[in-house]
Protein backbone atom coordinates (compact mmCIF):
# COMPACT_ATOMS: atom_id res chain seq x y z
CA MET A 1 -0.01 -0.04 0.00
CA GLN A 2 1.14 3.53 -0.76
CA LEU A 3 0.50 6.69 1.35
CA ASN A 4 -1.65 8.08 -1.39
CA ASP A 5 -3.91 4.98 -1.05
CA LEU A 6 -5.10 6.41 2.39
CA ASN A 7 -6.36 9.54 0.71
CA GLY A 8 -8.21 7.71 -2.11
CA LYS A 9 -5.50 8.32 -4.52
CA THR A 10 -3.16 5.86 -6.32
CA THR A 11 -0.25 6.27 -8.77
CA ILE A 12 -0.19 4.72 -12.26
CA LYS A 13 2.53 5.06 -14.95
CA VAL A 14 1.78 6.50 -18.40
CA ALA A 15 4.74 6.46 -20.81
CA GLY A 16 7.27 6.30 -18.03
CA GLU A 17 5.71 9.23 -16.04
CA GLU A 18 4.04 8.77 -12.74
CA VAL A 19 0.43 10.11 -12.68
CA SER A 20 -1.79 10.44 -9.47
CA VAL A 21 -5.36 9.36 -10.07
CA ASN A 22 -8.34 8.76 -7.76
CA ALA A 23 -8.62 5.13 -6.89
CA SER A 24 -12.39 5.23 -7.54
CA ASP A 25 -12.09 6.74 -11.03
CA SER A 26 -13.06 4.77 -14.17
CA VAL A 27 -9.93 3.20 -15.63
CA LYS A 28 -11.20 3.35 -19.26
CA ASP A 29 -12.33 7.05 -19.18
CA THR A 30 -9.38 8.27 -17.31
CA LEU A 31 -6.86 6.46 -19.56
CA LYS A 32 -8.57 7.74 -22.65
CA ARG A 33 -8.33 11.21 -21.36
CA LEU A 34 -4.68 10.97 -20.38
CA LEU A 35 -3.64 9.40 -23.60
CA GLU A 36 -5.40 12.09 -25.69
CA GLU A 37 -3.86 14.80 -23.51
CA LYS A 38 -0.31 13.30 -24.17
CA GLY A 39 -1.00 12.57 -27.89
CA ILE A 40 -0.41 8.91 -27.45
CA ASP A 41 -2.33 6.83 -29.91
CA SER A 42 -0.25 3.64 -29.96
CA PHE A 43 0.17 1.96 -26.52
CA THR A 44 0.16 -1.22 -24.48
CA ILE A 45 -1.73 -1.42 -21.12
CA LEU A 46 -0.50 -3.61 -18.23
CA VAL A 47 -2.71 -4.42 -15.36
CA ASP A 48 -0.99 -6.11 -12.43
CA GLY A 49 1.89 -6.99 -14.75
CA ALA A 50 -0.17 -8.70 -17.46
CA GLU A 51 -0.96 -7.09 -20.84
CA VAL A 52 -4.55 -6.24 -21.61
CA ALA A 53 -5.69 -6.90 -25.13
CA SER A 54 -9.20 -5.49 -24.88
CA THR A 55 -10.69 -2.46 -23.08
CA SER A 56 -13.49 -4.86 -21.97
CA ASP A 57 -10.75 -6.63 -19.81
CA LEU A 58 -9.85 -3.41 -17.91
CA PRO A 59 -10.94 -3.22 -14.29
CA GLU A 60 -13.67 -0.70 -13.49
CA THR A 61 -11.54 1.47 -11.08
CA PHE A 62 -7.84 1.85 -10.17
CA ALA A 63 -8.45 0.55 -6.68
CA ASP A 64 -6.27 -2.45 -5.85
CA HIS A 65 -4.61 -2.64 -9.28
CA GLU A 66 -1.19 -1.66 -10.60
CA ILE A 67 -1.69 -0.02 -14.01
CA GLU A 68 0.94 0.97 -16.44
CA VAL A 69 0.65 2.33 -20.00
CA GLN A 70 3.58 1.96 -22.26
CA ARG A 71 4.00 3.86 -25.46
CA TYR A 72 4.17 1.39 -28.45
CA VAL A 73 6.76 2.20 -30.97
CA LYS A 74 6.82 0.13 -34.18
CA ALA A 75 10.41 -0.80 -35.18
CA GLY A 76 11.75 0.42 -38.42
């Protein structure tokens, strides 16, 4: 548990940058907003260390999950 968890906040990683979010926020909506703000349109989402292939497999909220978004860069 992190200290932020006590305040209803948690930290996720988006393209190597730590971002504080509310633990009760919608994962799908929040990630969509953050990725649009950062101009990232090609990415991989990891939830608890495992790659998520479909948005339907995302958890509802950030609570009790470790979430990281990695920018996907095509080789070549």
